[in-house]
Amino acid sequence: FDHMQQHSGQHILSQSFHELLGAGTLSFHLGEAISSVEMDIRKISEEEVENVERRANEIVFQDREIKCYFIPEEKIGSVPLRRPPKKKGLIRVVEVSDFDFSACGGTHVRRAGEIGLIKILKLERIRNNVRFEFICGKRTLDDYLWKNRILRELSTRFTVNEGEILNTVEKLSSDLKSQKRKRKKMQEKIAQYEAQEIIQKTKEKIIKELFVDKTPEEVRFLVLNIIRKGDFVVLFGLKGEERGHLILACSENINIDMREIVPLVSPLIKGKGGGRSSLVEIAGEEIENLEQALERAFEFIKKKMGSDL
């Protein structure tokens, strides 16, 4: 019965597109959860989609009769079919009373009211056409129930009416972006001070360190500030909760391609990464091997720099 609801709903939806927008149906897919219909439309507005939905459901609410009958091929011209039949001979016609006439061999409900509500969920452009995902009947009820439950939970969580949820989320999103910008500026300032402190403490051109209390972004800021302040090679590692990170860089005046290090250390941490000649980043699962990976990178740089150290 569920499949009959979706199939009959598709007939009404397709004819609604045809009636209001002159669009033809190119294909129909009956899915286990969501069905789709591809229409030969290049552009469609949100208002037009709503109009099609309203027209389709108007036919459902009128509970029009859906009947099936056969017509000989030579008399098919007497029936206003939505699209020409693909078969010859005796043609089976599915009619939604005085609304849609389609050559179809599938199973259908007996009356439009049995379809239940028809709802278009989303659309996507494909092959210069538009594909519409839709649901009918019990599927529409199930969809409404879980979406309504989410709305109620959000309304309770934010202590606002359901109609105010979107504005509340937009404000939270705006506030979050603002906080991220402020945090980024603060991280950059902290990185400048930390970089200066590290440079003052070290007497080496190769700076190697493993962190456990920073984010990849914080380590990246620190690396960039160090290589801007002098001729250094920076080999930093970071132990995360689930992944380890390597951020390896050198100043522009140092003639080393840091990308050469990637295949040397990536296998140690089961990682992947890349970058440009002056800076590479690698992330991997084997966190316990980060120190070994840093040491291998250190030995490679020492050989490359030789007497320049």
Protein backbone atom coordinates (compact mmCIF):
# COMPACT_ATOMS: atom_id res chain seq x y z
CA PHE A 1 0.00 0.00 0.00
CA ASP A 2 2.89 2.35 0.77
CA HIS A 3 4.28 1.88 -2.73
CA MET A 4 0.84 2.48 -4.23
CA GLN A 5 0.62 5.75 -2.27
CA GLN A 6 3.99 6.91 -3.64
CA HIS A 7 3.21 5.83 -7.21
CA SER A 8 -0.24 7.44 -7.31
CA GLY A 9 1.21 10.52 -5.63
CA GLN A 10 3.83 10.75 -8.37
CA HIS A 11 1.13 10.77 -11.06
CA ILE A 12 -0.63 13.68 -9.36
CA LEU A 13 2.63 15.54 -8.69
CA SER A 14 3.82 15.12 -12.28
CA GLN A 15 0.52 16.38 -13.68
CA SER A 16 0.65 19.35 -11.29
CA PHE A 17 4.07 20.29 -12.68
CA HIS A 18 2.73 19.85 -16.21
CA GLU A 19 -0.44 21.85 -15.57
CA LEU A 20 1.22 24.80 -13.81
CA LEU A 21 4.66 24.93 -15.46
CA GLY A 22 4.34 22.92 -18.65
CA ALA A 23 7.02 20.53 -17.38
CA GLY A 24 7.35 16.97 -18.56
CA THR A 25 8.36 13.98 -16.45
CA LEU A 26 11.68 12.44 -17.53
CA SER A 27 12.07 9.73 -14.90
CA PHE A 28 10.61 8.42 -11.65
CA HIS A 29 12.34 6.49 -8.87
CA LEU A 30 10.34 4.75 -6.17
CA GLY A 31 12.62 4.55 -3.12
CA GLU A 32 12.25 2.65 0.13
CA ALA A 33 12.22 5.89 2.11
CA ILE A 34 12.16 8.75 -0.40
CA SER A 35 11.02 8.81 -4.02
CA SER A 36 12.11 11.21 -6.74
CA VAL A 37 10.90 12.54 -10.05
CA GLU A 38 13.05 14.31 -12.64
CA MET A 39 11.35 17.11 -14.57
CA ASP A 40 12.48 18.95 -17.69
CA ILE A 41 12.71 22.28 -15.89
CA ARG A 42 15.80 24.48 -15.98
CA LYS A 43 14.78 26.95 -13.27
CA ILE A 44 12.07 26.97 -10.63
CA SER A 45 11.34 29.36 -7.78
CA GLU A 46 10.38 28.46 -4.23
CA GLU A 47 6.96 29.98 -4.85
CA GLU A 48 6.45 27.76 -7.91
CA VAL A 49 7.40 24.66 -5.92
CA GLU A 50 4.84 25.59 -3.26
CA ASN A 51 2.18 26.18 -5.91
CA VAL A 52 2.81 22.72 -7.37
CA GLU A 53 2.59 21.18 -3.89
CA ARG A 54 -0.66 22.98 -3.16
CA ARG A 55 -2.20 21.93 -6.46
CA ALA A 56 -1.19 18.29 -5.95
CA ASN A 57 -2.64 18.21 -2.45
CA GLU A 58 -5.77 19.99 -3.63
CA ILE A 59 -6.43 16.99 -5.88
CA VAL A 60 -5.77 14.65 -2.94
CA PHE A 61 -8.16 16.56 -0.67
CA GLN A 62 -10.84 16.37 -3.34
CA ASP A 63 -10.51 12.59 -3.05
CA ARG A 64 -10.83 12.10 -6.77
CA GLU A 65 -11.39 8.60 -8.09
CA ILE A 66 -8.39 6.78 -9.56
CA LYS A 67 -9.37 4.18 -12.11
CA CYS A 68 -7.54 1.87 -14.50
CA TYR A 69 -8.81 0.74 -17.89
CA PHE A 70 -7.56 -0.50 -21.24
CA ILE A 71 -7.82 1.27 -24.59
CA PRO A 72 -6.89 -0.12 -28.02
CA GLU A 73 -3.94 1.59 -29.64
CA GLU A 74 -6.05 2.97 -32.47
CA LYS A 75 -8.31 4.82 -29.98
CA ILE A 76 -5.54 6.18 -27.75
CA GLY A 77 -5.94 9.60 -29.38
CA SER A 78 -9.27 9.99 -27.60
CA VAL A 79 -7.49 10.09 -24.22
CA PRO A 80 -5.45 13.22 -23.25
CA LEU A 81 -2.36 11.29 -22.10
CA ARG A 82 0.27 13.32 -20.26
CA ARG A 83 2.99 11.59 -22.29
CA PRO A 84 2.88 9.23 -25.31
CA PRO A 85 2.74 5.49 -24.49
CA LYS A 86 5.92 3.46 -24.95
CA LYS A 87 4.05 0.27 -25.84
CA LYS A 88 1.75 -0.61 -28.70
CA GLY A 89 -1.41 -2.66 -28.77
CA LEU A 90 -3.77 -2.58 -25.83
CA ILE A 91 -2.81 0.38 -23.60
CA ARG A 92 -3.51 0.43 -19.86
CA VAL A 93 -4.52 3.91 -18.71
CA VAL A 94 -4.48 5.16 -15.12
CA GLU A 95 -6.81 8.12 -14.72
CA VAL A 96 -7.05 10.50 -11.79
CA SER A 97 -10.58 11.65 -12.49
CA ASP A 98 -10.59 14.57 -14.96
CA PHE A 99 -7.03 15.54 -13.94
CA ASP A 100 -4.36 13.11 -15.11
CA PHE A 101 -4.29 10.41 -17.77
CA SER A 102 -1.17 8.22 -17.92
CA ALA A 103 -0.24 5.01 -19.71
CA CYS A 104 0.93 2.89 -16.76
CA GLY A 105 1.10 -0.75 -15.77
CA GLY A 106 1.71 -0.18 -12.07
CA THR A 107 -0.51 -0.58 -9.01
CA HIS A 108 -2.41 2.39 -7.59
CA VAL A 109 -4.80 3.36 -4.82
CA ARG A 110 -8.49 3.63 -5.66
CA ARG A 111 -9.02 7.21 -4.57
CA ALA A 112 -6.71 10.22 -4.28
CA GLY A 113 -7.55 10.64 -0.59
CA GLU A 114 -5.81 7.32 0.12
CA ILE A 115 -2.50 8.87 -0.97
CA GLY A 116 -2.38 11.19 2.02
CA LEU A 117 -0.35 14.39 2.07
CA ILE A 118 2.19 14.88 -0.76
CA LYS A 119 5.36 16.72 0.31
CA ILE A 120 8.35 17.81 -1.77
CA LEU A 121 11.42 17.55 0.47
CA LYS A 122 14.21 18.94 -1.70
CA LEU A 123 15.32 19.61 -5.23
CA GLU A 124 18.63 19.35 -7.05
CA ARG A 125 19.77 20.32 -10.51
CA ILE A 126 20.85 17.40 -12.68
CA ARG A 127 21.60 17.18 -16.42
CA ASN A 128 20.09 20.65 -17.02
CA ASN A 129 16.88 19.42 -15.39
CA VAL A 130 15.57 19.39 -11.82
CA ARG A 131 15.07 16.32 -9.64
CA PHE A 132 12.51 16.57 -6.85
CA GLU A 133 12.52 14.27 -3.83
CA PHE A 134 9.08 13.69 -2.36
CA ILE A 135 7.08 11.54 0.05
CA CYS A 136 3.42 10.64 0.43
CA GLY A 137 1.06 9.23 3.03
CA LYS A 138 2.54 7.62 6.15
CA ARG A 139 6.02 8.65 5.08
CA THR A 140 4.89 12.28 5.23
CA LEU A 141 3.43 11.77 8.70
CA ASP A 142 6.66 10.13 9.94
CA ASP A 143 8.69 12.98 8.44
CA TYR A 144 6.49 15.59 10.11
CA LEU A 145 6.65 13.82 13.48
CA TRP A 146 10.44 13.74 13.74
CA LYS A 147 10.85 17.28 12.40
CA ASN A 148 8.22 18.57 14.82
CA ARG A 149 10.00 16.77 17.67
CA ILE A 150 13.24 18.53 16.77
CA LEU A 151 11.45 21.89 16.65
CA ARG A 152 9.95 21.31 20.10
CA GLU A 153 13.33 20.32 21.53
CA LEU A 154 15.00 23.39 20.01
CA SER A 155 12.18 25.60 21.28
CA THR A 156 12.66 24.22 24.79
CA ARG A 157 16.45 24.44 24.66
CA PHE A 158 16.51 28.05 23.47
CA THR A 159 13.37 29.03 25.44
CA VAL A 160 11.78 30.65 22.39
CA ASN A 161 8.66 30.05 20.34
CA GLU A 162 9.04 27.76 17.34
CA GLY A 163 8.62 30.71 14.99
CA GLU A 164 11.64 32.43 16.60
CA ILE A 165 14.04 29.47 16.28
CA LEU A 166 15.53 30.55 12.94
CA ASN A 167 16.31 34.08 14.16
CA THR A 168 17.80 32.64 17.35
CA VAL A 169 20.04 30.24 15.41
CA GLU A 170 21.14 33.02 13.04
CA LYS A 171 22.07 35.22 16.00
CA LEU A 172 24.00 32.37 17.64
CA SER A 173 25.79 31.69 14.37
CA SER A 174 26.71 35.36 14.02
CA ASP A 175 27.94 35.50 17.62
CA LEU A 176 30.00 32.34 17.10
CA LYS A 177 31.66 33.76 13.98
CA SER A 178 32.46 36.94 15.89
CA GLN A 179 33.98 34.97 18.77
CA LYS A 180 36.03 32.89 16.33
CA ARG A 181 37.43 36.05 14.74
CA LYS A 182 38.35 37.46 18.16
CA ARG A 183 39.88 34.14 19.19
CA LYS A 184 41.93 34.00 16.00
CA LYS A 185 43.33 37.48 16.60
CA MET A 186 44.18 36.53 20.17
CA GLN A 187 45.86 33.31 19.01
CA GLU A 188 47.94 35.29 16.53
CA LYS A 189 49.10 37.71 19.24
CA ILE A 190 49.95 34.88 21.64
CA ALA A 191 51.83 33.10 18.84
CA GLN A 192 53.92 36.22 18.23
CA TYR A 193 55.00 36.37 21.89
CA GLU A 194 55.64 32.62 22.09
CA ALA A 195 57.64 32.68 18.85
CA GLN A 196 59.84 35.48 20.16
CA GLU A 197 60.35 33.59 23.43
CA ILE A 198 61.33 30.37 21.64
CA ILE A 199 63.76 32.22 19.35
CA GLN A 200 65.42 33.95 22.30
CA LYS A 201 65.89 30.64 24.13
CA THR A 202 67.31 28.64 21.22
CA LYS A 203 70.75 28.84 19.66
CA GLU A 204 69.95 26.38 16.88
CA LYS A 205 68.57 26.86 13.41
CA ILE A 206 66.48 23.71 13.74
CA ILE A 207 63.71 24.05 16.32
CA LYS A 208 62.02 20.78 17.29
CA GLU A 209 59.23 20.38 19.83
CA LEU A 210 56.23 18.17 20.64
CA PHE A 211 53.08 19.81 22.07
CA VAL A 212 50.17 18.28 23.96
CA ASP A 213 48.21 21.38 25.00
CA LYS A 214 47.63 23.22 21.72
CA THR A 215 45.33 22.99 18.73
CA PRO A 216 46.67 22.49 15.18
CA GLU A 217 45.69 26.08 14.40
CA GLU A 218 47.67 27.42 17.38
CA VAL A 219 50.74 25.40 16.39
CA ARG A 220 50.41 26.63 12.80
CA PHE A 221 50.34 30.27 13.96
CA LEU A 222 53.43 29.62 16.07
CA VAL A 223 55.32 27.99 13.20
CA LEU A 224 54.53 30.84 10.79
CA ASN A 225 55.64 33.48 13.28
CA ILE A 226 58.96 31.74 13.89
CA ILE A 227 59.92 31.33 10.22
CA ARG A 228 59.02 34.98 9.56
CA LYS A 229 61.38 36.21 12.27
CA GLY A 230 64.59 34.57 11.01
CA ASP A 231 66.26 31.72 9.16
CA PHE A 232 64.89 28.66 10.95
CA VAL A 233 63.63 25.17 10.27
CA VAL A 234 60.69 24.35 12.54
CA LEU A 235 59.67 20.76 13.28
CA PHE A 236 56.62 20.74 15.52
CA GLY A 237 54.42 17.83 16.53
CA LEU A 238 51.08 17.84 18.30
CA LYS A 239 49.43 15.02 20.23
CA GLY A 240 45.66 15.19 19.82
CA GLU A 241 43.10 12.95 21.46
CA GLU A 242 42.55 10.86 18.34
CA ARG A 243 45.17 12.01 15.83
CA GLY A 244 48.69 13.27 15.80
CA HIS A 245 49.86 16.22 13.72
CA LEU A 246 53.19 17.26 12.26
CA ILE A 247 53.74 20.82 11.06
CA LEU A 248 57.13 21.19 9.40
CA ALA A 249 58.36 24.46 7.92
CA CYS A 250 61.39 26.52 6.97
CA SER A 251 62.14 30.17 6.29
CA GLU A 252 62.21 31.34 2.67
CA ASN A 253 65.99 31.87 2.74
CA ILE A 254 66.62 28.20 3.54
CA ASN A 255 66.91 26.12 0.38
CA ILE A 256 65.02 23.00 1.49
CA ASP A 257 61.84 21.52 0.04
CA MET A 258 59.89 20.38 3.10
CA ARG A 259 57.68 18.22 0.88
CA GLU A 260 60.56 15.74 0.65
CA ILE A 261 60.01 14.89 4.32
CA VAL A 262 56.38 13.80 3.88
CA PRO A 263 57.06 10.26 2.51
CA LEU A 264 59.78 9.75 5.14
CA VAL A 265 57.62 10.38 8.19
CA SER A 266 54.04 9.71 7.07
CA PRO A 267 54.32 5.88 7.35
CA LEU A 268 55.48 6.19 10.97
CA ILE A 269 52.21 7.78 12.06
CA LYS A 270 50.02 6.19 9.36
CA GLY A 271 49.37 9.67 8.14
CA LYS A 272 48.62 11.72 5.06
CA GLY A 273 49.58 15.24 4.26
CA GLY A 274 51.25 17.72 1.99
CA GLY A 275 51.71 21.41 1.42
CA ARG A 276 54.13 23.77 -0.24
CA SER A 277 57.92 23.74 -0.35
CA SER A 278 58.23 25.87 2.80
CA LEU A 279 55.48 24.25 4.92
CA VAL A 280 53.85 20.84 5.12
CA GLU A 281 51.26 19.36 7.46
CA ILE A 282 50.69 15.68 8.18
CA ALA A 283 47.97 14.07 10.28
CA GLY A 284 48.00 10.42 11.35
CA GLU A 285 46.61 7.80 13.71
CA GLU A 286 49.81 6.48 15.34
CA ILE A 287 50.19 9.22 17.95
CA GLU A 288 52.80 7.29 19.93
CA ASN A 289 55.23 7.50 16.98
CA LEU A 290 55.24 11.30 16.75
CA GLU A 291 58.58 11.67 18.54
CA GLN A 292 60.17 9.11 16.22
CA ALA A 293 58.74 10.94 13.21
CA LEU A 294 60.12 14.27 14.46
CA GLU A 295 63.53 12.70 14.99
CA ARG A 296 63.54 11.27 11.47
CA ALA A 297 62.65 14.70 10.08
CA PHE A 298 65.40 16.24 12.22
CA GLU A 299 68.05 13.85 10.86
CA PHE A 300 66.93 14.55 7.29
CA ILE A 301 67.21 18.32 7.80
CA LYS A 302 70.65 17.99 9.42
CA LYS A 303 71.97 16.12 6.40
CA LYS A 304 70.44 18.64 4.04
CA MET A 305 71.83 21.68 5.81
CA GLY A 306 75.24 20.22 6.57
CA SER A 307 77.72 22.96 7.40
CA ASP A 308 74.97 25.59 7.36
CA LEU A 309 73.85 24.51 10.85
